[in-house]
N, C-alpha and C. Protein backbone atom coordinates (compact mmCIF):
# COMPACT_ATOMS: atom_id res chain seq x y z
N MET A 1 -14.89 14.21 51.11
CA MET A 1 -13.48 13.75 52.10
C MET A 1 -13.25 12.20 52.01
N SER A 2 -12.18 12.12 51.59
CA SER A 2 -11.96 10.33 52.09
C SER A 2 -11.33 9.87 53.53
N ALA A 3 -11.63 8.85 54.12
CA ALA A 3 -11.13 8.48 55.41
C ALA A 3 -9.40 8.38 54.90
N SER A 4 -8.60 8.89 56.32
CA SER A 4 -7.23 8.99 56.08
C SER A 4 -6.75 9.25 57.45
N THR A 5 -5.75 8.93 57.84
CA THR A 5 -4.96 8.92 59.05
C THR A 5 -3.27 9.17 58.98
N THR A 6 -2.89 8.91 59.81
CA THR A 6 -1.31 9.17 59.65
C THR A 6 -0.64 7.51 59.86
N ARG A 7 0.56 7.46 59.56
CA ARG A 7 1.29 6.26 59.99
C ARG A 7 1.59 6.29 61.41
N ASP A 8 1.74 7.12 62.02
CA ASP A 8 2.08 7.10 63.55
C ASP A 8 0.64 6.53 64.04
N ARG A 9 -0.38 7.07 64.00
CA ARG A 9 -1.79 6.67 64.35
C ARG A 9 -1.76 5.23 64.32
N LEU A 10 -1.80 4.91 62.78
CA LEU A 10 -1.80 3.71 62.34
C LEU A 10 -1.02 2.53 63.21
N LYS A 11 0.09 2.98 63.10
CA LYS A 11 0.95 2.04 63.88
C LYS A 11 0.63 1.80 65.32
N GLU A 12 0.37 2.98 66.05
CA GLU A 12 -0.03 2.81 67.32
C GLU A 12 -1.43 2.10 67.51
N ALA A 13 -2.31 1.85 66.56
CA ALA A 13 -3.56 1.44 66.69
C ALA A 13 -3.50 0.19 66.48
N LEU A 14 -2.36 -0.40 65.88
CA LEU A 14 -2.36 -1.64 65.47
C LEU A 14 -1.05 -2.31 66.20
N ASN A 15 -0.53 -1.73 67.24
CA ASN A 15 0.68 -2.51 67.95
C ASN A 15 0.28 -3.65 68.61
N GLU A 16 -0.68 -4.14 68.82
CA GLU A 16 -1.05 -5.44 69.04
C GLU A 16 -1.61 -6.60 68.24
N VAL A 17 -1.35 -6.37 67.33
CA VAL A 17 -2.02 -7.14 66.19
C VAL A 17 -1.27 -8.13 65.76
N ASP A 18 -1.89 -9.26 65.58
CA ASP A 18 -0.98 -10.47 65.51
C ASP A 18 -1.16 -10.76 63.79
N PHE A 19 -0.22 -10.89 63.23
CA PHE A 19 -0.56 -11.26 61.60
C PHE A 19 -0.07 -12.64 61.40
N PRO A 20 -0.72 -13.10 60.28
CA PRO A 20 -1.92 -12.34 59.46
C PRO A 20 -2.88 -11.82 59.84
N ALA A 21 -3.81 -10.74 59.74
CA ALA A 21 -4.87 -10.39 60.23
C ALA A 21 -6.09 -10.25 58.93
N SER A 22 -7.47 -10.25 59.46
CA SER A 22 -8.08 -9.74 58.46
C SER A 22 -8.73 -8.68 58.79
N LYS A 23 -9.51 -8.05 57.82
CA LYS A 23 -9.96 -6.55 58.10
C LYS A 23 -10.63 -6.05 59.43
N ASP A 24 -11.23 -7.46 59.76
CA ASP A 24 -12.17 -7.41 60.87
C ASP A 24 -11.17 -7.34 62.16
N ASP A 25 -10.01 -8.11 62.07
CA ASP A 25 -9.14 -7.94 63.17
C ASP A 25 -8.62 -6.66 63.15
N LEU A 26 -8.28 -6.14 62.17
CA LEU A 26 -7.46 -4.57 62.19
C LEU A 26 -8.81 -3.71 62.90
N LEU A 27 -9.86 -3.53 62.29
CA LEU A 27 -10.98 -3.02 63.00
C LEU A 27 -10.94 -3.01 64.62
N ALA A 28 -11.14 -4.35 64.90
CA ALA A 28 -11.49 -4.68 66.30
C ALA A 28 -9.94 -3.93 66.91
N ALA A 29 -8.92 -4.08 66.56
CA ALA A 29 -7.81 -3.57 67.03
C ALA A 29 -8.03 -1.77 67.28
N ALA A 30 -7.98 -1.23 66.48
CA ALA A 30 -8.24 0.14 66.09
C ALA A 30 -9.44 0.51 67.01
N ASP A 31 -10.15 -0.11 67.01
CA ASP A 31 -11.82 0.24 67.72
C ASP A 31 -11.29 0.43 69.51
N GLU A 32 -10.10 -0.50 69.91
CA GLU A 32 -9.97 -0.57 71.37
C GLU A 32 -8.83 0.84 71.75
N ARG A 33 -7.75 1.01 70.40
CA ARG A 33 -6.54 1.71 70.61
C ARG A 33 -6.69 3.06 69.53
N GLY A 34 -7.30 2.73 68.78
CA GLY A 34 -7.56 4.05 67.73
C GLY A 34 -8.41 5.17 67.95
N ASP A 35 -7.92 6.35 66.77
CA ASP A 35 -8.91 7.34 66.88
C ASP A 35 -9.81 7.18 65.81
N GLY A 36 -10.81 8.19 66.16
CA GLY A 36 -12.04 8.22 64.68
C GLY A 36 -11.44 8.01 63.26
N ASN A 37 -10.30 8.85 63.32
CA ASN A 37 -9.82 8.72 61.90
C ASN A 37 -9.37 7.77 61.33
N THR A 38 -8.53 6.88 62.05
CA THR A 38 -7.74 5.55 61.87
C THR A 38 -8.90 4.70 61.57
N ILE A 39 -9.95 4.63 62.37
CA ILE A 39 -10.99 3.74 62.43
C ILE A 39 -11.69 3.79 60.98
N ARG A 40 -12.10 4.83 60.69
CA ARG A 40 -12.62 5.40 59.22
C ARG A 40 -11.75 4.81 57.92
N ALA A 41 -10.38 5.29 58.22
CA ALA A 41 -9.46 4.92 57.32
C ALA A 41 -9.34 3.19 56.88
N LEU A 42 -9.05 2.73 58.24
CA LEU A 42 -9.52 1.25 58.29
C LEU A 42 -10.81 0.57 57.85
N ARG A 43 -12.20 1.12 58.01
CA ARG A 43 -13.12 0.94 57.18
C ARG A 43 -12.88 0.79 55.38
N ALA A 44 -12.05 1.51 55.03
CA ALA A 44 -12.08 1.93 53.71
C ALA A 44 -11.55 1.01 53.19
N ILE A 45 -10.50 0.10 53.49
CA ILE A 45 -9.71 -1.10 53.02
C ILE A 45 -10.32 -2.14 52.73
N PRO A 46 -9.72 -2.72 51.31
CA PRO A 46 -10.66 -3.98 51.19
C PRO A 46 -10.41 -5.18 52.01
N PRO A 47 -11.72 -5.71 52.07
CA PRO A 47 -11.85 -7.04 53.08
C PRO A 47 -11.09 -8.42 52.80
N VAL A 48 -9.70 -8.43 53.24
CA VAL A 48 -8.89 -9.48 52.56
C VAL A 48 -7.87 -9.55 53.56
N GLU A 49 -7.09 -10.56 53.79
CA GLU A 49 -6.35 -10.89 55.21
C GLU A 49 -4.94 -10.29 54.86
N TYR A 50 -4.41 -9.35 55.52
CA TYR A 50 -3.43 -9.08 55.87
C TYR A 50 -1.95 -9.69 56.52
N ALA A 51 -0.99 -9.84 55.48
CA ALA A 51 0.14 -10.55 55.95
C ALA A 51 0.76 -9.94 57.25
N ASN A 52 1.08 -8.33 56.83
CA ASN A 52 1.58 -7.86 57.54
C ASN A 52 1.32 -6.34 57.80
N LEU A 53 2.41 -5.70 58.56
CA LEU A 53 1.56 -4.16 58.53
C LEU A 53 1.95 -3.36 57.48
N ALA A 54 3.00 -3.49 56.83
CA ALA A 54 3.37 -3.45 55.30
C ALA A 54 2.29 -3.00 54.47
N GLU A 55 1.57 -4.41 54.59
CA GLU A 55 0.50 -4.22 53.45
C GLU A 55 -0.79 -3.56 54.06
N VAL A 56 -0.99 -3.28 55.11
CA VAL A 56 -2.20 -2.59 55.66
C VAL A 56 -1.96 -0.82 55.00
N PHE A 57 -0.33 -0.88 55.39
CA PHE A 57 0.14 0.69 55.12
C PHE A 57 -0.19 0.77 53.74
N ALA A 58 0.05 0.06 52.88
CA ALA A 58 0.19 0.11 51.23
C ALA A 58 -1.74 0.23 51.09
N SER A 59 -2.39 -0.44 51.79
CA SER A 59 -3.97 -0.09 51.67
C SER A 59 -4.92 1.08 52.19
N VAL A 60 -4.00 1.84 52.86
CA VAL A 60 -4.61 2.77 53.69
C VAL A 60 -4.24 4.15 53.41
N ALA A 61 -5.03 5.35 53.51
CA ALA A 61 -4.87 6.76 52.89
C ALA A 61 -4.46 7.39 54.15
N PHE A 62 -3.34 7.71 53.92
CA PHE A 62 -2.41 8.65 54.92
C PHE A 62 -2.81 10.26 54.06
N ASP A 63 -2.77 11.23 55.48
CA ASP A 63 -3.06 12.70 55.49
C ASP A 63 -1.99 13.12 54.83
N ASP A 64 -0.69 12.66 54.79
CA ASP A 64 0.41 13.48 54.14
C ASP A 64 0.84 13.04 52.79
N ASP A 65 -0.31 11.84 52.49
CA ASP A 65 0.18 11.29 50.62
C ASP A 65 -0.46 12.51 49.77
N LYS A 66 0.17 12.78 49.18
CA LYS A 66 -0.20 13.67 47.81
C LYS A 66 -1.15 13.35 46.83
N SER A 67 -1.01 11.72 46.45
CA SER A 67 -1.90 11.07 45.63
C SER A 67 -2.33 10.00 46.10
N PRO A 68 -3.68 9.56 45.90
CA PRO A 68 -4.41 8.31 46.42
C PRO A 68 -3.50 6.88 46.13
N ARG A 69 -3.73 6.06 47.10
CA ARG A 69 -2.82 4.85 46.90
C ARG A 69 -3.73 3.73 46.47
N PRO A 70 -3.22 3.26 45.14
CA PRO A 70 -4.17 1.75 45.04
C PRO A 70 -4.58 0.68 45.94
N HIS A 71 -5.70 0.63 46.11
CA HIS A 71 -6.03 -0.31 47.22
C HIS A 71 -5.86 -1.93 46.96
N GLY A 72 -5.63 -2.47 48.17
CA GLY A 72 -5.23 -3.64 48.19
C GLY A 72 -4.19 -4.20 48.99
N PRO A 73 -3.35 -5.48 49.59
CA PRO A 73 -2.57 -5.41 50.22
C PRO A 73 -1.23 -5.69 49.49
N SER A 74 -1.04 -5.46 48.12
CA SER A 74 0.13 -5.33 47.38
C SER A 74 0.18 -3.48 46.91
N GLY A 75 -0.85 -3.17 47.64
CA GLY A 75 -0.60 -1.60 47.06
C GLY A 75 -0.38 -1.21 45.54
N GLY A 76 -1.37 -2.42 44.65
CA GLY A 76 -1.52 -2.29 43.20
C GLY A 76 -0.08 -2.55 42.57
N LEU A 77 1.03 -3.15 43.41
CA LEU A 77 2.25 -3.65 42.72
C LEU A 77 2.14 -4.88 42.17
N THR A 78 2.50 -5.37 41.42
CA THR A 78 2.57 -6.86 40.95
C THR A 78 4.02 -7.62 41.24
N ARG A 79 3.99 -8.38 42.08
CA ARG A 79 4.93 -9.32 42.45
C ARG A 79 5.47 -10.60 41.47
């Protein structure tokens, strides 16, 4: 079973994060405000700097997604 969370739980856990933020910054914030599933989902993301919450959302697996998301801040999309 892969680590996943919901968009609402992730948003709540990272509500106080100042971006850009590293994976370690995100985990520290989630450790204080998040639940176990959200922390596990964040542990599974790549160790890069995230410019904003949208980049984090593109890298995290969500409970309600039918297919896995590509990992990385761009969500696998080219710019």
